Amino acid sequence: MAQLINQYLFVFLIVLLLALLYLLSPILTPFLLGTLLAYLVNPLVKRLEKWKIPHLISVIMIFLIVIGIFFLIVIMLIPVVNKQIILLEEVIPQVILWLQHSIMPQFVEFFNLDEFKPTLATTLSKTSVLFGAVLSSGSTLIGWMINLILTPVVTFYLLCDWDRILHGLRKLLPRSIAATVVQLVRKCDEVLGAFFRGQLLIMLLLCLIYGVGLTLVGLQVGLMLGIIGGILSVVPYLGSIFVVVSASIVALVQFGDWASLFWVWGIFIIGQIIEGYVLTPYLIGKRIGLHPVAVIFAIMAGGSLFGFFGILLALPVAAVLMVLLQYASLIVSS
């Protein structure tokens, strides 16, 4: 009877934790990102400890190295990204005008939507204004700055107490299920390691391939489009569709020549070949094994609950849930 009560209590605590996460989702971004960074960096701390370096010194060394690399990258990228954002603010109205005068008349004529033409034109104009407002939003910038300050603080404290936190969580587990939970956590750790070593590296390489490639063919905002496309590649086909559609439209607006599309499509095809035949098979393979529909649902749910970083955390959380469901199916079948 006591064992059954402990199991129900454990399930209740899990449900309560999920409810609290949902209610506190607006303020969780720096804590989620800090936990993610601590999880990624902790193996480096452990390696230094094996070299007889004290835990606190190991944490400080790794923390300073990571922060230094981060700020070096930010300092190098800020001028480039700022220039790309300015160019993007200039290009978006041009793209809207091009859609109004080149695509929309044919679209209206083909679908016989003459009475909706003024509404469509107004919508496109408002879209241009909306993009400009988003790119220059002061409140958004303040929110990002707060997260940027809090995230390393959370990461540092979690790194200092990582083993203590894990030990405390393990002590909270009922003895009857402790061994099983530890085994599942280790399996989840393997899946998460496969994801972070694979998918995040693929995203980085695709940002580089698309960004550099589109810049070399002459697109003014090629770097920004490539970075966005690489990040969106975490969703099956979304990054590819974004790159080929947005880069094609920008190329037509910038060059006014249909021949320019061949260069853009060439970069897209090269990126797809490298991703499909080199990056994905060797970096990820089938170690995560999530169906594309499950991936899309997980990302939409993560974005709805926790915003941008919820999108980034959606796949690893989904991978963990997949491990738990596999275990549950084995229990039921047995």
Protein backbone atom coordinates (compact mmCIF):
# COMPACT_ATOMS: atom_id res chain seq x y z
CA MET A 1 0.00 0.00 0.00
CA ALA A 2 2.80 2.42 0.90
CA GLN A 3 4.55 1.64 -2.38
CA LEU A 4 1.38 2.44 -4.33
CA ILE A 5 0.99 5.75 -2.45
CA ASN A 6 4.59 6.68 -3.27
CA GLN A 7 4.03 5.98 -6.96
CA TYR A 8 0.86 8.11 -7.04
CA LEU A 9 2.69 10.87 -5.15
CA PHE A 10 5.51 10.79 -7.69
CA VAL A 11 3.06 11.07 -10.60
CA PHE A 12 1.28 13.94 -8.83
CA LEU A 13 4.56 15.81 -8.38
CA ILE A 14 5.38 15.39 -12.08
CA VAL A 15 1.96 16.76 -13.08
CA LEU A 16 2.36 19.65 -10.63
CA LEU A 17 5.80 20.44 -12.06
CA LEU A 18 4.43 20.50 -15.62
CA ALA A 19 1.59 22.80 -14.52
CA LEU A 20 4.05 25.18 -12.86
CA LEU A 21 6.24 25.20 -15.97
CA TYR A 22 3.21 26.17 -18.06
CA LEU A 23 2.12 28.93 -15.68
CA LEU A 24 5.65 30.35 -15.35
CA SER A 25 6.50 30.02 -19.05
CA PRO A 26 6.81 33.82 -19.67
CA ILE A 27 9.86 34.06 -17.36
CA LEU A 28 11.47 30.67 -17.98
CA THR A 29 13.57 31.49 -21.04
CA PRO A 30 16.88 32.35 -19.27
CA PHE A 31 16.46 29.42 -16.88
CA LEU A 32 15.79 26.94 -19.67
CA LEU A 33 18.67 28.25 -21.73
CA GLY A 34 20.96 28.29 -18.68
CA THR A 35 20.06 24.67 -17.91
CA LEU A 36 20.72 23.74 -21.54
CA LEU A 37 24.14 25.42 -21.53
CA ALA A 38 25.05 23.85 -18.19
CA TYR A 39 24.10 20.42 -19.56
CA LEU A 40 26.25 20.98 -22.65
CA VAL A 41 29.28 22.34 -20.79
CA ASN A 42 29.25 20.00 -17.77
CA PRO A 43 31.18 17.20 -19.58
CA LEU A 44 34.05 19.64 -20.11
CA VAL A 45 34.08 20.41 -16.40
CA LYS A 46 34.18 16.68 -15.64
CA ARG A 47 37.14 16.24 -17.98
CA LEU A 48 39.10 18.94 -16.16
CA GLU A 49 38.26 17.30 -12.84
CA LYS A 50 39.81 14.07 -14.13
CA TRP A 51 43.04 16.05 -14.51
CA LYS A 52 42.94 16.75 -10.73
CA ILE A 53 41.67 20.32 -11.12
CA PRO A 54 39.26 21.33 -8.30
CA HIS A 55 35.59 21.51 -9.22
CA LEU A 56 35.14 25.26 -8.65
CA ILE A 57 38.32 26.09 -10.59
CA SER A 58 37.15 23.82 -13.42
CA VAL A 59 33.77 25.56 -13.53
CA ILE A 60 35.35 29.03 -13.56
CA MET A 61 37.84 28.07 -16.31
CA ILE A 62 35.21 26.53 -18.61
CA PHE A 63 32.73 29.32 -17.87
CA LEU A 64 35.24 32.05 -18.73
CA ILE A 65 36.32 30.23 -21.91
CA VAL A 66 32.72 29.81 -23.09
CA ILE A 67 31.79 33.41 -22.23
CA GLY A 68 34.95 34.67 -23.94
CA ILE A 69 34.23 32.71 -27.13
CA PHE A 70 30.61 33.88 -27.08
CA PHE A 71 31.47 37.56 -26.72
CA LEU A 72 34.21 37.25 -29.35
CA ILE A 73 31.68 35.84 -31.80
CA VAL A 74 29.12 38.52 -30.86
CA ILE A 75 31.67 41.34 -31.30
CA MET A 76 32.65 39.95 -34.69
CA LEU A 77 29.07 39.42 -35.86
CA ILE A 78 27.32 42.54 -34.52
CA PRO A 79 28.53 44.88 -37.32
CA VAL A 80 27.68 42.31 -40.00
CA VAL A 81 24.27 41.42 -38.57
CA ASN A 82 23.43 45.09 -37.96
CA LYS A 83 24.22 45.88 -41.59
CA GLN A 84 22.11 42.92 -42.71
CA ILE A 85 19.16 44.09 -40.59
CA ILE A 86 19.37 47.58 -42.09
CA LEU A 87 19.46 46.08 -45.59
CA LEU A 88 16.56 43.79 -44.69
CA GLU A 89 14.47 46.79 -43.59
CA GLU A 90 15.15 48.33 -47.00
CA VAL A 91 14.54 45.14 -48.98
CA ILE A 92 11.22 44.14 -47.37
CA PRO A 93 9.25 47.16 -48.75
CA GLN A 94 10.81 46.49 -52.16
CA VAL A 95 9.68 42.87 -51.98
CA ILE A 96 6.17 43.97 -50.95
CA LEU A 97 5.99 46.36 -53.92
CA TRP A 98 7.25 43.66 -56.26
CA LEU A 99 4.58 41.26 -55.00
CA GLN A 100 1.91 43.96 -55.42
CA HIS A 101 2.85 44.84 -58.99
CA SER A 102 4.18 41.54 -60.37
CA ILE A 103 2.60 38.60 -58.58
CA MET A 104 -0.67 39.88 -57.12
CA PRO A 105 -2.28 40.95 -60.45
CA GLN A 106 -1.66 37.50 -61.93
CA PHE A 107 -2.86 35.84 -58.72
CA VAL A 108 -6.06 37.93 -58.70
CA GLU A 109 -6.72 37.28 -62.37
CA PHE A 110 -6.10 33.53 -62.10
CA PHE A 111 -8.42 33.05 -59.11
CA ASN A 112 -10.91 35.76 -60.17
CA LEU A 113 -10.48 37.79 -56.96
CA ASP A 114 -10.96 41.29 -58.33
CA GLU A 115 -13.17 42.37 -55.41
CA PHE A 116 -10.44 41.32 -52.93
CA LYS A 117 -7.61 43.17 -54.69
CA PRO A 118 -7.76 46.32 -52.49
CA THR A 119 -7.84 44.14 -49.35
CA LEU A 120 -4.81 42.15 -50.51
CA ALA A 121 -2.87 45.32 -51.29
CA THR A 122 -3.69 46.79 -47.89
CA THR A 123 -2.64 43.56 -46.18
CA LEU A 124 0.72 43.55 -47.96
CA SER A 125 1.34 47.17 -47.02
CA LYS A 126 0.54 46.48 -43.37
CA THR A 127 2.87 43.47 -43.48
CA SER A 128 5.73 45.73 -44.57
CA VAL A 129 5.05 48.10 -41.66
CA LEU A 130 4.80 45.16 -39.24
CA PHE A 131 8.18 43.75 -40.28
CA GLY A 132 9.79 47.13 -39.80
CA ALA A 133 8.23 47.49 -36.35
CA VAL A 134 9.41 44.02 -35.28
CA LEU A 135 12.96 44.67 -36.46
CA SER A 136 13.17 47.95 -34.56
CA SER A 137 11.16 47.01 -31.46
CA GLY A 138 12.75 48.44 -28.33
CA SER A 139 10.84 46.18 -25.93
CA THR A 140 12.02 43.11 -27.79
CA LEU A 141 15.61 44.32 -27.52
CA ILE A 142 15.23 44.90 -23.78
CA GLY A 143 13.82 41.39 -23.31
CA TRP A 144 16.74 39.89 -25.19
CA MET A 145 19.22 41.91 -23.12
CA ILE A 146 17.66 40.70 -19.84
CA ASN A 147 17.85 37.10 -21.03
CA LEU A 148 21.43 37.66 -22.17
CA ILE A 149 22.41 38.84 -18.68
CA LEU A 150 20.49 36.23 -16.68
CA THR A 151 21.45 33.20 -18.77
CA PRO A 152 25.18 33.10 -17.90
CA VAL A 153 24.35 33.71 -14.20
CA VAL A 154 21.98 30.74 -14.18
CA THR A 155 24.50 28.63 -16.10
CA PHE A 156 27.31 29.36 -13.63
CA TYR A 157 25.29 28.47 -10.52
CA LEU A 158 23.95 25.29 -12.13
CA LEU A 159 27.48 24.22 -13.13
CA CYS A 160 28.71 24.77 -9.57
CA ASP A 161 25.95 22.63 -8.07
CA TRP A 162 25.24 20.21 -10.95
CA ASP A 163 26.22 17.02 -9.10
CA ARG A 164 24.49 18.18 -5.92
CA ILE A 165 21.27 18.91 -7.85
CA LEU A 166 21.32 15.49 -9.53
CA HIS A 167 21.99 13.78 -6.20
CA GLY A 168 19.12 15.69 -4.58
CA LEU A 169 16.72 14.74 -7.37
CA ARG A 170 17.78 11.12 -7.07
CA LYS A 171 17.08 11.15 -3.32
CA LEU A 172 13.55 12.40 -4.03
CA LEU A 173 12.79 9.30 -6.09
CA PRO A 174 10.93 6.45 -4.38
CA ARG A 175 13.28 3.52 -3.84
CA SER A 176 11.03 1.19 -5.79
CA ILE A 177 11.51 3.11 -9.03
CA ALA A 178 14.90 4.78 -8.46
CA ALA A 179 16.89 2.20 -10.45
CA THR A 180 14.45 2.33 -13.37
CA VAL A 181 14.43 6.14 -13.46
CA VAL A 182 18.25 6.28 -13.40
CA GLN A 183 18.38 3.83 -16.30
CA LEU A 184 15.88 5.94 -18.28
CA VAL A 185 17.82 9.14 -17.53
CA ARG A 186 20.99 7.56 -18.88
CA LYS A 187 19.15 6.52 -22.04
CA CYS A 188 17.73 10.04 -22.39
CA ASP A 189 21.22 11.44 -21.91
CA GLU A 190 22.46 9.33 -24.85
CA VAL A 191 19.61 10.56 -27.06
CA LEU A 192 20.14 14.19 -26.06
CA GLY A 193 23.87 13.90 -26.68
CA ALA A 194 23.15 12.56 -30.16
CA PHE A 195 20.78 15.44 -30.81
CA PHE A 196 23.04 18.24 -29.62
CA ARG A 197 26.18 16.87 -31.26
CA GLY A 198 24.30 16.27 -34.48
CA GLN A 199 21.40 18.61 -35.11
CA LEU A 200 22.94 21.76 -33.68
CA LEU A 201 26.12 21.20 -35.71
CA ILE A 202 24.01 20.69 -38.83
CA MET A 203 22.17 23.96 -38.16
CA LEU A 204 25.49 25.79 -37.77
CA LEU A 205 26.94 24.33 -40.97
CA LEU A 206 23.78 25.09 -42.98
CA CYS A 207 23.85 28.69 -41.72
CA LEU A 208 27.40 28.87 -43.04
CA ILE A 209 26.67 27.14 -46.36
CA TYR A 210 23.53 29.14 -47.19
CA GLY A 211 24.79 32.44 -45.77
CA VAL A 212 28.17 32.40 -47.51
CA GLY A 213 26.75 30.91 -50.71
CA LEU A 214 23.94 33.46 -51.10
CA THR A 215 26.35 36.28 -50.27
CA LEU A 216 28.80 35.09 -52.93
CA VAL A 217 26.08 35.12 -55.60
CA GLY A 218 25.47 38.78 -54.77
CA LEU A 219 22.35 38.87 -52.57
CA GLN A 220 22.51 41.89 -50.26
CA VAL A 221 20.73 40.07 -47.42
CA GLY A 222 22.12 36.65 -48.30
CA LEU A 223 23.86 36.20 -44.95
CA MET A 224 20.71 36.95 -42.95
CA LEU A 225 18.57 34.66 -45.11
CA GLY A 226 21.15 31.90 -44.77
CA ILE A 227 21.28 32.20 -40.97
CA ILE A 228 17.48 32.15 -40.67
CA GLY A 229 17.26 29.20 -43.08
CA GLY A 230 19.90 27.27 -41.15
CA ILE A 231 18.06 27.81 -37.85
CA LEU A 232 14.72 26.83 -39.40
CA SER A 233 16.30 23.60 -40.71
CA VAL A 234 15.54 22.08 -37.30
CA VAL A 235 12.00 21.68 -38.72
CA PRO A 236 11.97 19.16 -41.61
CA TYR A 237 11.81 20.99 -44.97
CA LEU A 238 10.99 24.38 -43.39
CA GLY A 239 14.54 25.76 -43.60
CA SER A 240 14.92 24.56 -47.19
CA ILE A 241 11.58 26.03 -48.27
CA PHE A 242 12.38 29.34 -46.58
CA VAL A 243 15.79 29.64 -48.24
CA VAL A 244 14.69 28.79 -51.78
CA VAL A 245 11.50 30.93 -51.68
CA SER A 246 12.86 34.01 -49.88
CA ALA A 247 16.20 34.01 -51.74
CA SER A 248 14.43 33.61 -55.10
CA ILE A 249 12.11 36.56 -54.41
CA VAL A 250 14.97 38.75 -53.17
CA ALA A 251 17.06 37.82 -56.23
CA LEU A 252 14.22 38.79 -58.58
CA VAL A 253 13.70 42.09 -56.76
CA GLN A 254 17.41 42.92 -56.56
CA PHE A 255 18.53 41.85 -60.04
CA GLY A 256 15.24 41.94 -61.96
CA ASP A 257 16.47 38.98 -63.99
CA TRP A 258 15.07 35.45 -64.00
CA ALA A 259 18.55 34.12 -64.80
CA SER A 260 19.66 35.08 -61.27
CA LEU A 261 17.42 32.32 -59.94
CA PHE A 262 19.77 29.65 -61.31
CA TRP A 263 22.54 30.84 -58.98
CA VAL A 264 20.20 30.84 -55.98
CA TRP A 265 18.85 27.40 -56.84
CA GLY A 266 22.40 26.17 -57.33
CA ILE A 267 23.30 27.17 -53.76
CA PHE A 268 20.09 25.55 -52.52
CA ILE A 269 20.82 22.28 -54.35
CA ILE A 270 24.40 22.20 -53.03
CA GLY A 271 23.11 22.74 -49.48
CA GLN A 272 20.52 19.97 -49.86
CA ILE A 273 23.08 17.51 -51.22
CA ILE A 274 25.54 18.23 -48.40
CA GLU A 275 22.80 18.02 -45.77
CA GLY A 276 21.14 14.87 -47.15
CA TYR A 277 24.19 12.81 -48.10
CA VAL A 278 26.91 14.04 -45.72
CA LEU A 279 25.70 15.92 -42.63
CA THR A 280 22.55 14.06 -41.59
CA PRO A 281 23.80 10.47 -42.18
CA TYR A 282 27.10 11.00 -40.37
CA LEU A 283 26.07 13.42 -37.60
CA ILE A 284 22.60 12.16 -36.69
CA GLY A 285 21.67 9.04 -38.62
CA LYS A 286 18.66 7.41 -36.94
CA ARG A 287 19.73 7.99 -33.35
CA ILE A 288 16.77 10.26 -32.57
CA GLY A 289 14.21 8.74 -34.92
CA LEU A 290 11.39 11.27 -34.60
CA HIS A 291 8.80 11.31 -37.37
CA PRO A 292 8.61 14.65 -39.26
CA VAL A 293 5.01 15.18 -38.08
CA ALA A 294 6.12 14.64 -34.47
CA VAL A 295 8.96 17.12 -35.02
CA ILE A 296 6.60 19.80 -36.36
CA PHE A 297 4.11 19.27 -33.52
CA ALA A 298 6.86 19.39 -30.88
CA ILE A 299 8.29 22.64 -32.23
CA MET A 300 4.89 24.31 -32.49
CA ALA A 301 4.03 23.23 -28.93
CA GLY A 302 7.40 24.43 -27.61
CA GLY A 303 7.03 27.78 -29.33
CA SER A 304 3.50 28.21 -28.01
CA LEU A 305 4.55 27.47 -24.41
CA PHE A 306 8.03 29.00 -24.10
CA GLY A 307 8.59 31.23 -27.13
CA PHE A 308 11.77 31.17 -29.22
CA PHE A 309 13.83 29.03 -26.84
CA GLY A 310 10.89 26.69 -26.48
CA ILE A 311 11.34 26.03 -30.17
CA LEU A 312 15.01 25.23 -29.64
CA LEU A 313 14.23 22.94 -26.68
CA ALA A 314 11.26 21.22 -28.33
CA LEU A 315 13.21 18.48 -30.11
CA PRO A 316 15.35 17.35 -27.18
CA VAL A 317 12.26 17.25 -24.97
CA ALA A 318 10.42 15.28 -27.66
CA ALA A 319 13.37 12.89 -27.88
CA VAL A 320 13.19 12.31 -24.12
CA LEU A 321 9.45 11.71 -24.34
CA MET A 322 10.10 9.22 -27.13
CA VAL A 323 12.43 7.26 -24.82
CA LEU A 324 9.80 7.28 -22.08
CA LEU A 325 7.07 6.12 -24.47
CA GLN A 326 9.29 3.30 -25.73
CA TYR A 327 9.84 2.20 -22.14
CA ALA A 328 6.10 2.42 -21.40
CA SER A 329 5.30 0.31 -24.46
CA LEU A 330 7.77 -2.35 -23.28
CA ILE A 331 6.13 -2.38 -19.85
CA VAL A 332 2.65 -2.75 -21.37
CA SER A 333 3.71 -5.48 -23.80
CA SER A 334 5.38 -7.44 -21.04
